[in-house]
PDB file of N, CA and C in Angstrom:
ATOM      1  N   MET A   1     102.143 130.071  95.792  1.00  0.00           N
ATOM      2  CA  MET A   1     103.227 129.134  95.633  1.00  0.00           C
ATOM      3  C   MET A   1     103.168 128.121  96.764  1.00  0.00           C
ATOM      4  N   GLY A   2     103.451 126.866  96.427  1.00  0.00           N
ATOM      5  CA  GLY A   2     103.384 125.803  97.411  1.00  0.00           C
ATOM      6  C   GLY A   2     104.581 125.791  98.337  1.00  0.00           C
ATOM      7  N   MET A   3     104.407 125.107  99.430  1.00  0.00           N
ATOM      8  CA  MET A   3     105.466 125.003 100.415  1.00  0.00           C
ATOM      9  C   MET A   3     105.711 123.520 100.690  1.00  0.00           C
ATOM     10  N   ILE A   4     106.942 123.154 100.827  1.00  0.00           N
ATOM     11  CA  ILE A   4     107.269 121.769 101.115  1.00  0.00           C
ATOM     12  C   ILE A   4     107.435 121.622 102.620  1.00  0.00           C
ATOM     13  N   MET A   5     106.473 120.995 103.243  1.00  0.00           N
ATOM     14  CA  MET A   5     106.539 120.673 104.656  1.00  0.00           C
ATOM     15  C   MET A   5     105.500 119.596 104.909  1.00  0.00           C
ATOM     16  N   ARG A   6     105.969 118.381 104.986  1.00  0.00           N
ATOM     17  CA  ARG A   6     105.059 117.252 105.154  1.00  0.00           C
ATOM     18  C   ARG A   6     105.588 116.319 106.230  1.00  0.00           C
ATOM     19  N   GLU A   7     104.671 115.738 106.943  1.00  0.00           N
ATOM     20  CA  GLU A   7     104.998 114.697 107.913  1.00  0.00           C
ATOM     21  C   GLU A   7     104.645 113.362 107.265  1.00  0.00           C
ATOM     22  N   ILE A   8     105.610 112.474 107.169  1.00  0.00           N
ATOM     23  CA  ILE A   8     105.355 111.156 106.597  1.00  0.00           C
ATOM     24  C   ILE A   8     105.923 110.093 107.525  1.00  0.00           C
ATOM     25  N   GLU A   9     105.445 108.891 107.356  1.00  0.00           N
ATOM     26  CA  GLU A   9     105.909 107.774 108.163  1.00  0.00           C
ATOM     27  C   GLU A   9     106.495 106.722 107.233  1.00  0.00           C
ATOM     28  N   ILE A  10     107.695 106.250 107.590  1.00  0.00           N
ATOM     29  CA  ILE A  10     108.309 105.171 106.821  1.00  0.00           C
ATOM     30  C   ILE A  10     108.733 104.062 107.771  1.00  0.00           C
ATOM     31  N   ASP A  11     108.913 102.882 107.213  1.00  0.00           N
ATOM     32  CA  ASP A  11     109.307 101.709 107.981  1.00  0.00           C
ATOM     33  C   ASP A  11     110.764 101.369 107.669  1.00  0.00           C
ATOM     34  N   TYR A  12     111.496 101.016 108.710  1.00  0.00           N
ATOM     35  CA  TYR A  12     112.868 100.548 108.537  1.00  0.00           C
ATOM     36  C   TYR A  12     113.101  99.433 109.551  1.00  0.00           C
ATOM     37  N   LYS A  13     113.352  98.256 109.058  1.00  0.00           N
ATOM     38  CA  LYS A  13     113.608  97.087 109.890  1.00  0.00           C
ATOM     39  C   LYS A  13     112.486  96.848 110.902  1.00  0.00           C
ATOM     40  N   GLY A  14     111.254  97.023 110.449  1.00  0.00           N
ATOM     41  CA  GLY A  14     110.108  96.720 111.290  1.00  0.00           C
ATOM     42  C   GLY A  14     109.698  97.816 112.256  1.00  0.00           C
ATOM     43  N   GLU A  15     110.382  98.942 112.242  1.00  0.00           N
ATOM     44  CA  GLU A  15     110.018 100.065 113.107  1.00  0.00           C
ATOM     45  C   GLU A  15     109.575 101.239 112.254  1.00  0.00           C
ATOM     46  N   SER A  16     108.633 102.006 112.778  1.00  0.00           N
ATOM     47  CA  SER A  16     108.125 103.171 112.059  1.00  0.00           C
ATOM     48  C   SER A  16     108.847 104.431 112.521  1.00  0.00           C
ATOM     49  N   TYR A  17     109.109 105.300 111.557  1.00  0.00           N
ATOM     50  CA  TYR A  17     109.784 106.569 111.839  1.00  0.00           C
ATOM     51  C   TYR A  17     109.002 107.694 111.190  1.00  0.00           C
ATOM     52  N   ASP A  18     108.800 108.783 111.932  1.00  0.00           N
ATOM     53  CA  ASP A  18     108.116 109.963 111.415  1.00  0.00           C
ATOM     54  C   ASP A  18     109.147 110.933 110.858  1.00  0.00           C
ATOM     55  N   ILE A  19     109.035 111.209 109.578  1.00  0.00           N
ATOM     56  CA  ILE A  19     109.970 112.098 108.883  1.00  0.00           C
ATOM     57  C   ILE A  19     109.280 113.437 108.643  1.00  0.00           C
ATOM     58  N   SER A  20     109.938 114.512 109.007  1.00  0.00           N
ATOM     59  CA  SER A  20     109.440 115.857 108.692  1.00  0.00           C
ATOM     60  C   SER A  20     110.146 116.314 107.425  1.00  0.00           C
ATOM     61  N   MET A  21     109.468 116.146 106.285  1.00  0.00           N
ATOM     62  CA  MET A  21     110.067 116.522 105.009  1.00  0.00           C
ATOM     63  C   MET A  21     109.931 118.023 104.829  1.00  0.00           C
ATOM     64  N   ASN A  22     111.054 118.681 104.633  1.00  0.00           N
ATOM     65  CA  ASN A  22     111.055 120.126 104.429  1.00  0.00           C
ATOM     66  C   ASN A  22     112.259 120.484 103.556  1.00  0.00           C
ATOM     67  N   MET A  23     112.352 121.729 103.204  1.00  0.00           N
ATOM     68  CA  MET A  23     113.411 122.161 102.284  1.00  0.00           C
ATOM     69  C   MET A  23     114.804 121.935 102.867  1.00  0.00           C
ATOM     70  N   GLY A  24     114.965 122.074 104.175  1.00  0.00           N
ATOM     71  CA  GLY A  24     116.265 121.830 104.793  1.00  0.00           C
ATOM     72  C   GLY A  24     116.713 120.388 104.627  1.00  0.00           C
ATOM     73  N   LEU A  25     115.781 119.458 104.810  1.00  0.00           N
ATOM     74  CA  LEU A  25     116.108 118.045 104.648  1.00  0.00           C
ATOM     75  C   LEU A  25     116.394 117.720 103.183  1.00  0.00           C
ATOM     76  N   ILE A  26     115.610 118.283 102.286  1.00  0.00           N
ATOM     77  CA  ILE A  26     115.849 118.082 100.851  1.00  0.00           C
ATOM     78  C   ILE A  26     117.233 118.603 100.471  1.00  0.00           C
ATOM     79  N   ASN A  27     117.610 119.743 101.018  1.00  0.00           N
ATOM     80  CA  ASN A  27     118.933 120.311 100.739  1.00  0.00           C
ATOM     81  C   ASN A  27     120.041 119.381 101.230  1.00  0.00           C
ATOM     82  N   LYS A  28     119.876 118.782 102.410  1.00  0.00           N
ATOM     83  CA  LYS A  28     120.871 117.827 102.915  1.00  0.00           C
ATOM     84  C   LYS A  28     121.014 116.637 101.968  1.00  0.00           C
ATOM     85  N   ILE A  29     119.874 116.150 101.479  1.00  0.00           N
ATOM     86  CA  ILE A  29     119.886 115.002 100.572  1.00  0.00           C
ATOM     87  C   ILE A  29     120.609 115.358  99.277  1.00  0.00           C
ATOM     88  N   GLU A  30     120.257 116.486  98.698  1.00  0.00           N
ATOM     89  CA  GLU A  30     120.897 116.873  97.431  1.00  0.00           C
ATOM     90  C   GLU A  30     122.359 117.260  97.632  1.00  0.00           C
ATOM     91  N   SER A  31     122.700 117.830  98.786  1.00  0.00           N
ATOM     92  CA  SER A  31     124.101 118.173  99.069  1.00  0.00           C
ATOM     93  C   SER A  31     124.969 116.928  99.194  1.00  0.00           C
ATOM     94  N   ALA A  32     124.331 115.800  99.492  1.00  0.00           N
ATOM     95  CA  ALA A  32     125.055 114.529  99.577  1.00  0.00           C
ATOM     96  C   ALA A  32     125.220 113.880  98.207  1.00  0.00           C
ATOM     97  N   GLY A  33     124.770 114.566  97.155  1.00  0.00           N
ATOM     98  CA  GLY A  33     124.965 114.062  95.799  1.00  0.00           C
ATOM     99  C   GLY A  33     123.800 113.288  95.229  1.00  0.00           C
ATOM    100  N   VAL A  34     122.657 113.332  95.897  1.00  0.00           N
ATOM    101  CA  VAL A  34     121.473 112.615  95.425  1.00  0.00           C
ATOM    102  C   VAL A  34     120.595 113.568  94.619  1.00  0.00           C
ATOM    103  N   ASN A  35     120.349 113.237  93.361  1.00  0.00           N
ATOM    104  CA  ASN A  35     119.479 114.042  92.502  1.00  0.00           C
ATOM    105  C   ASN A  35     118.061 113.488  92.630  1.00  0.00           C
ATOM    106  N   ILE A  36     117.224 114.165  93.419  1.00  0.00           N
ATOM    107  CA  ILE A  36     115.896 113.616  93.699  1.00  0.00           C
ATOM    108  C   ILE A  36     115.013 113.567  92.453  1.00  0.00           C
ATOM    109  N   LEU A  37     115.163 114.523  91.578  1.00  0.00           N
ATOM    110  CA  LEU A  37     114.359 114.509  90.354  1.00  0.00           C
ATOM    111  C   LEU A  37     114.722 113.309  89.483  1.00  0.00           C
ATOM    112  N   SER A  38     115.998 113.028  89.367  1.00  0.00           N
ATOM    113  CA  SER A  38     116.449 111.882  88.585  1.00  0.00           C
ATOM    114  C   SER A  38     115.924 110.573  89.183  1.00  0.00           C
ATOM    115  N   LEU A  39     115.960 110.458  90.507  1.00  0.00           N
ATOM    116  CA  LEU A  39     115.429 109.259  91.160  1.00  0.00           C
ATOM    117  C   LEU A  39     113.937 109.110  90.904  1.00  0.00           C
ATOM    118  N   GLN A  40     113.200 110.219  91.010  1.00  0.00           N
ATOM    119  CA  GLN A  40     111.754 110.178  90.799  1.00  0.00           C
ATOM    120  C   GLN A  40     111.426 109.764  89.366  1.00  0.00           C
ATOM    121  N   ILE A  41     112.139 110.314  88.409  1.00  0.00           N
ATOM    122  CA  ILE A  41     111.903 109.968  87.004  1.00  0.00           C
ATOM    123  C   ILE A  41     112.178 108.478  86.785  1.00  0.00           C
ATOM    124  N   CYS A  42     113.258 107.977  87.340  1.00  0.00           N
ATOM    125  CA  CYS A  42     113.597 106.558  87.196  1.00  0.00           C
ATOM    126  C   CYS A  42     112.482 105.677  87.759  1.00  0.00           C
ATOM    127  N   LEU A  43     111.982 106.007  88.939  1.00  0.00           N
ATOM    128  CA  LEU A  43     110.899 105.231  89.543  1.00  0.00           C
ATOM    129  C   LEU A  43     109.615 105.348  88.732  1.00  0.00           C
ATOM    130  N   ASP A  44     109.320 106.556  88.241  1.00  0.00           N
ATOM    131  CA  ASP A  44     108.113 106.761  87.429  1.00  0.00           C
ATOM    132  C   ASP A  44     108.143 105.909  86.164  1.00  0.00           C
ATOM    133  N   GLU A  45     109.342 105.686  85.635  1.00  0.00           N
ATOM    134  CA  GLU A  45     109.480 104.904  84.411  1.00  0.00           C
ATOM    135  C   GLU A  45     109.578 103.408  84.683  1.00  0.00           C
ATOM    136  N   GLY A  46     109.384 103.008  85.941  1.00  0.00           N
ATOM    137  CA  GLY A  46     109.391 101.592  86.286  1.00  0.00           C
ATOM    138  C   GLY A  46     110.760 101.015  86.581  1.00  0.00           C
ATOM    139  N   GLY A  47     111.756 101.869  86.647  1.00  0.00           N
ATOM    140  CA  GLY A  47     113.107 101.390  86.921  1.00  0.00           C
ATOM    141  C   GLY A  47     113.424 101.371  88.400  1.00  0.00           C
ATOM    142  N   ILE A  48     114.584 100.859  88.694  1.00  0.00           N
ATOM    143  CA  ILE A  48     115.095 100.911  90.056  1.00  0.00           C
ATOM    144  C   ILE A  48     116.342 101.781  90.024  1.00  0.00           C
ATOM    145  N   PRO A  49     116.315 102.899  90.720  1.00  0.00           N
ATOM    146  CA  PRO A  49     117.467 103.807  90.709  1.00  0.00           C
ATOM    147  C   PRO A  49     118.683 103.176  91.399  1.00  0.00           C
ATOM    148  N   PRO A  50     119.834 103.788  91.248  1.00  0.00           N
ATOM    149  CA  PRO A  50     121.026 103.263  91.906  1.00  0.00           C
ATOM    150  C   PRO A  50     120.781 103.094  93.415  1.00  0.00           C
ATOM    151  N   LEU A  51     121.038 101.897  93.900  1.00  0.00           N
ATOM    152  CA  LEU A  51     120.758 101.603  95.302  1.00  0.00           C
ATOM    153  C   LEU A  51     121.639 102.407  96.250  1.00  0.00           C
ATOM    154  N   SER A  52     122.825 102.804  95.793  1.00  0.00           N
ATOM    155  CA  SER A  52     123.684 103.625  96.652  1.00  0.00           C
ATOM    156  C   SER A  52     123.028 104.976  96.931  1.00  0.00           C
ATOM    157  N   LEU A  53     122.348 105.521  95.923  1.00  0.00           N
ATOM    158  CA  LEU A  53     121.670 106.805  96.120  1.00  0.00           C
ATOM    159  C   LEU A  53     120.431 106.653  96.997  1.00  0.00           C
ATOM    160  N   LEU A  54     119.683 105.561  96.793  1.00  0.00           N
ATOM    161  CA  LEU A  54     118.532 105.301  97.664  1.00  0.00           C
ATOM    162  C   LEU A  54     119.000 105.121  99.109  1.00  0.00           C
ATOM    163  N   SER A  55     120.103 104.403  99.294  1.00  0.00           N
ATOM    164  CA  SER A  55     120.639 104.179 100.641  1.00  0.00           C
ATOM    165  C   SER A  55     121.018 105.495 101.309  1.00  0.00           C
ATOM    166  N   THR A  56     121.653 106.360 100.544  1.00  0.00           N
ATOM    167  CA  THR A  56     122.062 107.658 101.085  1.00  0.00           C
ATOM    168  C   THR A  56     120.847 108.497 101.462  1.00  0.00           C
ATOM    169  N   MET A  57     119.858 108.590 100.553  1.00  0.00           N
ATOM    170  CA  MET A  57     118.656 109.371 100.830  1.00  0.00           C
ATOM    171  C   MET A  57     117.922 108.826 102.055  1.00  0.00           C
ATOM    172  N   PHE A  58     117.751 107.516 102.095  1.00  0.00           N
ATOM    173  CA  PHE A  58     117.039 106.861 103.188  1.00  0.00           C
ATOM    174  C   PHE A  58     117.750 107.130 104.520  1.00  0.00           C
ATOM    175  N   ALA A  59     119.070 106.992 104.536  1.00  0.00           N
ATOM    176  CA  ALA A  59     119.841 107.204 105.766  1.00  0.00           C
ATOM    177  C   ALA A  59     119.737 108.646 106.256  1.00  0.00           C
ATOM    178  N   ILE A  60     119.798 109.592 105.355  1.00  0.00           N
ATOM    179  CA  ILE A  60     119.685 111.003 105.747  1.00  0.00           C
ATOM    180  C   ILE A  60     118.312 111.262 106.358  1.00  0.00           C
ATOM    181  N   CYS A  61     117.275 110.705 105.742  1.00  0.00           N
ATOM    182  CA  CYS A  61     115.920 110.901 106.269  1.00  0.00           C
ATOM    183  C   CYS A  61     115.763 110.251 107.636  1.00  0.00           C
ATOM    184  N   LEU A  62     116.257 109.030 107.779  1.00  0.00           N
ATOM    185  CA  LEU A  62     116.179 108.366 109.082  1.00  0.00           C
ATOM    186  C   LEU A  62     116.985 109.119 110.138  1.00  0.00           C
ATOM    187  N   SER A  63     118.148 109.617 109.755  1.00  0.00           N
ATOM    188  CA  SER A  63     118.990 110.372 110.695  1.00  0.00           C
ATOM    189  C   SER A  63     118.292 111.631 111.192  1.00  0.00           C
ATOM    190  N   SER A  64     117.424 112.183 110.366  1.00  0.00           N
ATOM    191  CA  SER A  64     116.701 113.402 110.769  1.00  0.00           C
ATOM    192  C   SER A  64     115.735 113.131 111.926  1.00  0.00           C
ATOM    193  N   THR A  65     115.429 111.857 112.185  1.00  0.00           N
ATOM    194  CA  THR A  65     114.541 111.491 113.292  1.00  0.00           C
ATOM    195  C   THR A  65     115.321 111.192 114.569  1.00  0.00           C
ATOM    196  N   GLY A  66     116.652 111.217 114.466  1.00  0.00           N
ATOM    197  CA  GLY A  66     117.493 110.871 115.607  1.00  0.00           C
ATOM    198  C   GLY A  66     118.000 109.437 115.552  1.00  0.00           C
ATOM    199  N   LYS A  67     117.543 108.672 114.574  1.00  0.00           N
ATOM    200  CA  LYS A  67     118.005 107.291 114.393  1.00  0.00           C
ATOM    201  C   LYS A  67     119.454 107.324 113.927  1.00  0.00           C
ATOM    202  N   ARG A  68     120.290 106.549 114.584  1.00  0.00           N
ATOM    203  CA  ARG A  68     121.701 106.477 114.182  1.00  0.00           C
ATOM    204  C   ARG A  68     121.829 105.415 113.105  1.00  0.00           C
ATOM    205  N   VAL A  69     121.938 105.867 111.872  1.00  0.00           N
ATOM    206  CA  VAL A  69     122.027 104.947 110.740  1.00  0.00           C
ATOM    207  C   VAL A  69     122.877 105.594 109.651  1.00  0.00           C
ATOM    208  N   THR A  70     123.634 104.774 108.950  1.00  0.00           N
ATOM    209  CA  THR A  70     124.495 105.268 107.876  1.00  0.00           C
ATOM    210  C   THR A  70     123.991 104.719 106.540  1.00  0.00           C
ATOM    211  N   PRO A  71     124.447 105.316 105.442  1.00  0.00           N
ATOM    212  CA  PRO A  71     124.111 104.732 104.140  1.00  0.00           C
ATOM    213  C   PRO A  71     124.557 103.265 104.033  1.00  0.00           C
ATOM    214  N   ASP A  72     125.672 102.908 104.672  1.00  0.00           N
ATOM    215  CA  ASP A  72     126.132 101.520 104.669  1.00  0.00           C
ATOM    216  C   ASP A  72     125.122 100.597 105.358  1.00  0.00           C
ATOM    217  N   ASP A  73     124.528 101.071 106.465  1.00  0.00           N
ATOM    218  CA  ASP A  73     123.515 100.287 107.169  1.00  0.00           C
ATOM    219  C   ASP A  73     122.304 100.039 106.271  1.00  0.00           C
ATOM    220  N   VAL A  74     121.873 101.084 105.592  1.00  0.00           N
ATOM    221  CA  VAL A  74     120.712 100.956 104.704  1.00  0.00           C
ATOM    222  C   VAL A  74     121.064 100.065 103.520  1.00  0.00           C
ATOM    223  N   TRP A  75     122.266 100.218 102.991  1.00  0.00           N
ATOM    224  CA  TRP A  75     122.721  99.366 101.883  1.00  0.00           C
ATOM    225  C   TRP A  75     122.627  97.892 102.281  1.00  0.00           C
ATOM    226  N   ALA A  76     123.118  97.573 103.477  1.00  0.00           N
ATOM    227  CA  ALA A  76     123.074  96.193 103.954  1.00  0.00           C
ATOM    228  C   ALA A  76     121.630  95.702 104.063  1.00  0.00           C
ATOM    229  N   TYR A  77     120.734  96.559 104.539  1.00  0.00           N
ATOM    230  CA  TYR A  77     119.317  96.210 104.649  1.00  0.00           C
ATOM    231  C   TYR A  77     118.712  95.943 103.278  1.00  0.00           C
ATOM    232  N   ILE A  78     119.030  96.802 102.326  1.00  0.00           N
ATOM    233  CA  ILE A  78     118.468  96.669 100.983  1.00  0.00           C
ATOM    234  C   ILE A  78     118.982  95.421 100.276  1.00  0.00           C
ATOM    235  N   THR A  79     120.255  95.117 100.449  1.00  0.00           N
ATOM    236  CA  THR A  79     120.873  94.052  99.658  1.00  0.00           C
ATOM    237  C   THR A  79     120.995  92.715 100.386  1.00  0.00           C
ATOM    238  N   SER A  80     120.476  92.620 101.600  1.00  0.00           N
ATOM    239  CA  SER A  80     120.657  91.398 102.383  1.00  0.00           C
ATOM    240  C   SER A  80     119.672  90.290 102.044  1.00  0.00           C
ATOM    241  N   GLY A  81     118.830  90.532 101.070  1.00  0.00           N
ATOM    242  CA  GLY A  81     117.848  89.508 100.707  1.00  0.00           C
ATOM    243  C   GLY A  81     116.562  89.703 101.486  1.00  0.00           C
ATOM    244  N   GLY A  82     115.678  88.763 101.356  1.00  0.00           N
ATOM    245  CA  GLY A  82     114.393  88.901 102.024  1.00  0.00           C
ATOM    246  C   GLY A  82     113.582  90.021 101.393  1.00  0.00           C
ATOM    247  N   ASP A  83     112.755  90.640 102.191  1.00  0.00           N
ATOM    248  CA  ASP A  83     111.889  91.692 101.650  1.00  0.00           C
ATOM    249  C   ASP A  83     112.451  93.096 101.875  1.00  0.00           C
ATOM    250  N   GLY A  84     113.712  93.194 102.318  1.00  0.00           N
ATOM    251  CA  GLY A  84     114.322  94.497 102.568  1.00  0.00           C
ATOM    252  C   GLY A  84     114.360  95.385 101.336  1.00  0.00           C
ATOM    253  N   THR A  85     114.679  94.801 100.182  1.00  0.00           N
ATOM    254  CA  THR A  85     114.756  95.594  98.954  1.00  0.00           C
ATOM    255  C   THR A  85     113.405  96.198  98.602  1.00  0.00           C
ATOM    256  N   ALA A  86     112.373  95.365  98.576  1.00  0.00           N
ATOM    257  CA  ALA A  86     111.040  95.853  98.211  1.00  0.00           C
ATOM    258  C   ALA A  86     110.541  96.900  99.207  1.00  0.00           C
ATOM    259  N   LYS A  87     110.759  96.654 100.502  1.00  0.00           N
ATOM    260  CA  LYS A  87     110.308  97.611 101.514  1.00  0.00           C
ATOM    261  C   LYS A  87     111.065  98.932 101.411  1.00  0.00           C
ATOM    262  N   ALA A  88     112.366  98.859 101.159  1.00  0.00           N
ATOM    263  CA  ALA A  88     113.168 100.081 101.059  1.00  0.00           C
ATOM    264  C   ALA A  88     112.786 100.886  99.825  1.00  0.00           C
ATOM    265  N   VAL A  89     112.579 100.218  98.688  1.00  0.00           N
ATOM    266  CA  VAL A  89     112.174 100.927  97.473  1.00  0.00           C
ATOM    267  C   VAL A  89     110.794 101.559  97.683  1.00  0.00           C
ATOM    268  N   ALA A  90     109.884 100.844  98.330  1.00  0.00           N
ATOM    269  CA  ALA A  90     108.548 101.406  98.613  1.00  0.00           C
ATOM    270  C   ALA A  90     108.660 102.627  99.515  1.00  0.00           C
ATOM    271  N   ALA A  91     109.507 102.551 100.540  1.00  0.00           N
ATOM    272  CA  ALA A  91     109.699 103.702 101.439  1.00  0.00           C
ATOM    273  C   ALA A  91     110.317 104.874 100.685  1.00  0.00           C
ATOM    274  N   CYS A  92     111.250 104.587  99.783  1.00  0.00           N
ATOM    275  CA  CYS A  92     111.870 105.657  98.995  1.00  0.00           C
ATOM    276  C   CYS A  92     110.860 106.319  98.068  1.00  0.00           C
ATOM    277  N   ARG A  93     109.922 105.543  97.536  1.00  0.00           N
ATOM    278  CA  ARG A  93     108.856 106.128  96.723  1.00  0.00           C
ATOM    279  C   ARG A  93     108.057 107.140  97.544  1.00  0.00           C
ATOM    280  N   VAL A  94     107.738 106.772  98.774  1.00  0.00           N
ATOM    281  CA  VAL A  94     106.990 107.672  99.660  1.00  0.00           C
ATOM    282  C   VAL A  94     107.816 108.916  99.966  1.00  0.00           C
ATOM    283  N   LEU A  95     109.089 108.719 100.267  1.00  0.00           N
ATOM    284  CA  LEU A  95     109.968 109.858 100.566  1.00  0.00           C
ATOM    285  C   LEU A  95     110.047 110.809  99.376  1.00  0.00           C
ATOM    286  N   LEU A  96     110.286 110.252  98.196  1.00  0.00           N
ATOM    287  CA  LEU A  96     110.405 111.091  97.001  1.00  0.00           C
ATOM    288  C   LEU A  96     109.106 111.835  96.712  1.00  0.00           C
ATOM    289  N   ALA A  97     107.984 111.145  96.806  1.00  0.00           N
ATOM    290  CA  ALA A  97     106.697 111.788  96.529  1.00  0.00           C
ATOM    291  C   ALA A  97     106.459 112.951  97.479  1.00  0.00           C
ATOM    292  N   SER A  98     106.936 112.842  98.707  1.00  0.00           N
ATOM    293  CA  SER A  98     106.717 113.906  99.691  1.00  0.00           C
ATOM    294  C   SER A  98     107.551 115.154  99.408  1.00  0.00           C
ATOM    295  N   MET A  99     108.539 115.033  98.527  1.00  0.00           N
ATOM    296  CA  MET A  99     109.416 116.166  98.222  1.00  0.00           C
ATOM    297  C   MET A  99     108.873 117.076  97.134  1.00  0.00           C
ATOM    298  N   PHE A 100     107.835 116.635  96.455  1.00  0.00           N
ATOM    299  CA  PHE A 100     107.302 117.410  95.345  1.00  0.00           C
ATOM    300  C   PHE A 100     105.951 117.996  95.702  1.00  0.00           C
ATOM    301  N   ILE A 101     105.705 119.208  95.242  1.00  0.00           N
ATOM    302  CA  ILE A 101     104.436 119.890  95.503  1.00  0.00           C
ATOM    303  C   ILE A 101     103.388 119.321  94.573  1.00  0.00           C
ATOM    304  N   ASP A 102     102.267 118.900  95.137  1.00  0.00           N
ATOM    305  CA  ASP A 102     101.165 118.380  94.339  1.00  0.00           C
ATOM    306  C   ASP A 102     100.391 119.550  93.754  1.00  0.00           C
ATOM    307  N   THR A 103     100.433 119.672  92.448  1.00  0.00           N
ATOM    308  CA  THR A 103      99.747 120.791  91.785  1.00  0.00           C
ATOM    309  C   THR A 103      98.315 120.432  91.389  1.00  0.00           C
ATOM    310  N   GLY A 104      97.957 119.166  91.595  1.00  0.00           N
ATOM    311  CA  GLY A 104      96.625 118.740  91.218  1.00  0.00           C
ATOM    312  C   GLY A 104      96.478 118.495  89.725  1.00  0.00           C
ATOM    313  N   THR A 105      97.602 118.460  89.016  1.00  0.00           N
ATOM    314  CA  THR A 105      97.552 118.237  87.573  1.00  0.00           C
ATOM    315  C   THR A 105      98.379 117.022  87.224  1.00  0.00           C
ATOM    316  N   LYS A 106      98.093 116.463  86.090  1.00  0.00           N
ATOM    317  CA  LYS A 106      98.903 115.369  85.553  1.00  0.00           C
ATOM    318  C   LYS A 106      99.263 115.755  84.118  1.00  0.00           C
ATOM    319  N   ASP A 107     100.520 115.703  83.832  1.00  0.00           N
ATOM    320  CA  ASP A 107     101.005 116.071  82.490  1.00  0.00           C
ATOM    321  C   ASP A 107     100.627 117.508  82.138  1.00  0.00           C
ATOM    322  N   GLY A 108     100.564 118.382  83.152  1.00  0.00           N
ATOM    323  CA  GLY A 108     100.274 119.790  82.897  1.00  0.00           C
ATOM    324  C   GLY A 108      98.809 120.098  82.641  1.00  0.00           C
ATOM    325  N   LYS A 109      97.937 119.094  82.794  1.00  0.00           N
ATOM    326  CA  LYS A 109      96.519 119.300  82.535  1.00  0.00           C
ATOM    327  C   LYS A 109      95.718 118.980  83.774  1.00  0.00           C
ATOM    328  N   LYS A 110      94.653 119.729  83.980  1.00  0.00           N
ATOM    329  CA  LYS A 110      93.774 119.469  85.127  1.00  0.00           C
ATOM    330  C   LYS A 110      92.788 118.385  84.798  1.00  0.00           C
TER     331      LYS A 110
END
């Protein structure tokens, strides 16, 4: 059985942050009302998930590094124009991908 424990790097406002993705962090995200599977499915289908949920997930992950940031701060970054939206969605894709165990299969087939 796989284990979720990955080190990933994401960018926020031009600075890089190292996130230790593990089950404890995933639990914090889901306890805050963020359904990670639903977000992943939405992104896989080419959609943009609710930005409030992305903001919450992003803020929790950044906070795990010691960065003092709230979902409101991330919301402002995402919605302030410029390239913040694209960068935040790209970072969220990386965060979400790190939460799932890679089985080496696609659509249940090797």
